Amino acid sequence: MTATLLVRLRDWLLDTFTYESESSAAGAMADATRWGWLPALSGVSIAADQARSEHAGTAPGDGGMSA
């Protein structure tokens, strides 16, 4: 049983950490670059919303200066 478990573990590791072909590797890289910008974009939009709300709350009223 131990030998079978080790063989299955080895096969799983090989399947997990190796690519079957170059086209699979290219497809995975394309997906990573295609969707990799989403977290950065969501962080920028959240920061922009926070900056707008902070600015609206702390912006001085009519300070006598023309806009």
C-alpha atoms as a PDB file:
ATOM      1  CA  MET A   1       0.000   0.000   0.000  1.00  0.00           C
ATOM      2  CA  THR A   2       2.822   2.431   0.802  1.00  0.00           C
ATOM      3  CA  ALA A   3       4.423   1.915  -2.587  1.00  0.00           C
ATOM      4  CA  THR A   4       1.134   2.608  -4.363  1.00  0.00           C
ATOM      5  CA  LEU A   5       0.608   5.739  -2.314  1.00  0.00           C
ATOM      6  CA  LEU A   6       4.096   6.998  -3.143  1.00  0.00           C
ATOM      7  CA  VAL A   7       3.596   6.305  -6.853  1.00  0.00           C
ATOM      8  CA  ARG A   8       0.277   8.151  -6.822  1.00  0.00           C
ATOM      9  CA  LEU A   9       1.863  11.059  -4.959  1.00  0.00           C
ATOM     10  CA  ARG A  10       4.720  11.223  -7.450  1.00  0.00           C
ATOM     11  CA  ASP A  11       2.303  11.130 -10.401  1.00  0.00           C
ATOM     12  CA  TRP A  12       0.188  13.893  -8.856  1.00  0.00           C
ATOM     13  CA  LEU A  13       3.250  16.076  -8.274  1.00  0.00           C
ATOM     14  CA  LEU A  14       4.432  15.570 -11.850  1.00  0.00           C
ATOM     15  CA  ASP A  15       1.005  16.428 -13.230  1.00  0.00           C
ATOM     16  CA  THR A  16       0.708  19.475 -11.000  1.00  0.00           C
ATOM     17  CA  PHE A  17       4.118  21.036 -11.547  1.00  0.00           C
ATOM     18  CA  THR A  18       4.882  20.143 -15.155  1.00  0.00           C
ATOM     19  CA  TYR A  19       3.237  21.099 -18.440  1.00  0.00           C
ATOM     20  CA  GLU A  20       2.299  18.528 -21.025  1.00  0.00           C
ATOM     21  CA  SER A  21       3.179  20.719 -23.981  1.00  0.00           C
ATOM     22  CA  GLU A  22       4.454  24.136 -24.912  1.00  0.00           C
ATOM     23  CA  SER A  23       0.980  25.181 -26.047  1.00  0.00           C
ATOM     24  CA  SER A  24      -0.372  24.480 -22.559  1.00  0.00           C
ATOM     25  CA  ALA A  25       2.389  26.598 -21.052  1.00  0.00           C
ATOM     26  CA  ALA A  26       1.724  29.398 -23.538  1.00  0.00           C
ATOM     27  CA  GLY A  27      -1.995  29.286 -22.776  1.00  0.00           C
ATOM     28  CA  ALA A  28      -1.376  29.458 -19.042  1.00  0.00           C
ATOM     29  CA  MET A  29       0.972  32.405 -19.480  1.00  0.00           C
ATOM     30  CA  ALA A  30      -1.551  34.199 -21.690  1.00  0.00           C
ATOM     31  CA  ASP A  31      -4.249  33.744 -19.038  1.00  0.00           C
ATOM     32  CA  ALA A  32      -1.943  35.041 -16.324  1.00  0.00           C
ATOM     33  CA  THR A  33      -1.087  38.171 -18.290  1.00  0.00           C
ATOM     34  CA  ARG A  34      -4.653  38.653 -19.487  1.00  0.00           C
ATOM     35  CA  TRP A  35      -6.191  38.661 -16.007  1.00  0.00           C
ATOM     36  CA  GLY A  36      -3.207  39.711 -13.895  1.00  0.00           C
ATOM     37  CA  TRP A  37      -4.083  43.418 -14.015  1.00  0.00           C
ATOM     38  CA  LEU A  38      -7.514  43.004 -12.380  1.00  0.00           C
ATOM     39  CA  PRO A  39      -6.374  43.188  -8.725  1.00  0.00           C
ATOM     40  CA  ALA A  40      -4.361  46.326  -9.401  1.00  0.00           C
ATOM     41  CA  LEU A  41      -7.266  47.967 -11.186  1.00  0.00           C
ATOM     42  CA  SER A  42      -9.698  47.179  -8.372  1.00  0.00           C
ATOM     43  CA  GLY A  43      -7.244  48.623  -5.842  1.00  0.00           C
ATOM     44  CA  VAL A  44      -6.936  51.813  -7.859  1.00  0.00           C
ATOM     45  CA  SER A  45     -10.694  52.224  -8.137  1.00  0.00           C
ATOM     46  CA  ILE A  46     -11.166  51.631  -4.397  1.00  0.00           C
ATOM     47  CA  ALA A  47      -8.446  54.161  -3.578  1.00  0.00           C
ATOM     48  CA  ALA A  48      -9.999  56.696  -5.943  1.00  0.00           C
ATOM     49  CA  ASP A  49     -13.393  56.316  -4.256  1.00  0.00           C
ATOM     50  CA  GLN A  50     -11.804  56.703  -0.825  1.00  0.00           C
ATOM     51  CA  ALA A  51      -9.877  59.785  -1.944  1.00  0.00           C
ATOM     52  CA  ARG A  52     -13.050  61.370  -3.344  1.00  0.00           C
ATOM     53  CA  SER A  53     -14.983  60.750  -0.143  1.00  0.00           C
ATOM     54  CA  GLU A  54     -12.134  62.042   2.041  1.00  0.00           C
ATOM     55  CA  HIS A  55     -11.713  65.102  -0.129  1.00  0.00           C
ATOM     56  CA  ALA A  56     -15.444  65.843  -0.067  1.00  0.00           C
ATOM     57  CA  GLY A  57     -15.464  65.579   3.727  1.00  0.00           C
ATOM     58  CA  THR A  58     -12.407  67.765   4.322  1.00  0.00           C
ATOM     59  CA  ALA A  59     -12.666  70.249   1.458  1.00  0.00           C
ATOM     60  CA  PRO A  60     -13.058  73.802   2.737  1.00  0.00           C
ATOM     61  CA  GLY A  61     -16.228  75.636   1.925  1.00  0.00           C
ATOM     62  CA  ASP A  62     -16.130  78.998   0.239  1.00  0.00           C
ATOM     63  CA  GLY A  63     -12.700  80.291   1.147  1.00  0.00           C
ATOM     64  CA  GLY A  64     -13.119  83.519  -0.703  1.00  0.00           C
ATOM     65  CA  MET A  65     -11.092  82.309  -3.666  1.00  0.00           C
ATOM     66  CA  SER A  66     -12.638  82.109  -7.083  1.00  0.00           C
ATOM     67  CA  ALA A  67     -12.704  78.722  -8.726  1.00  0.00           C
END
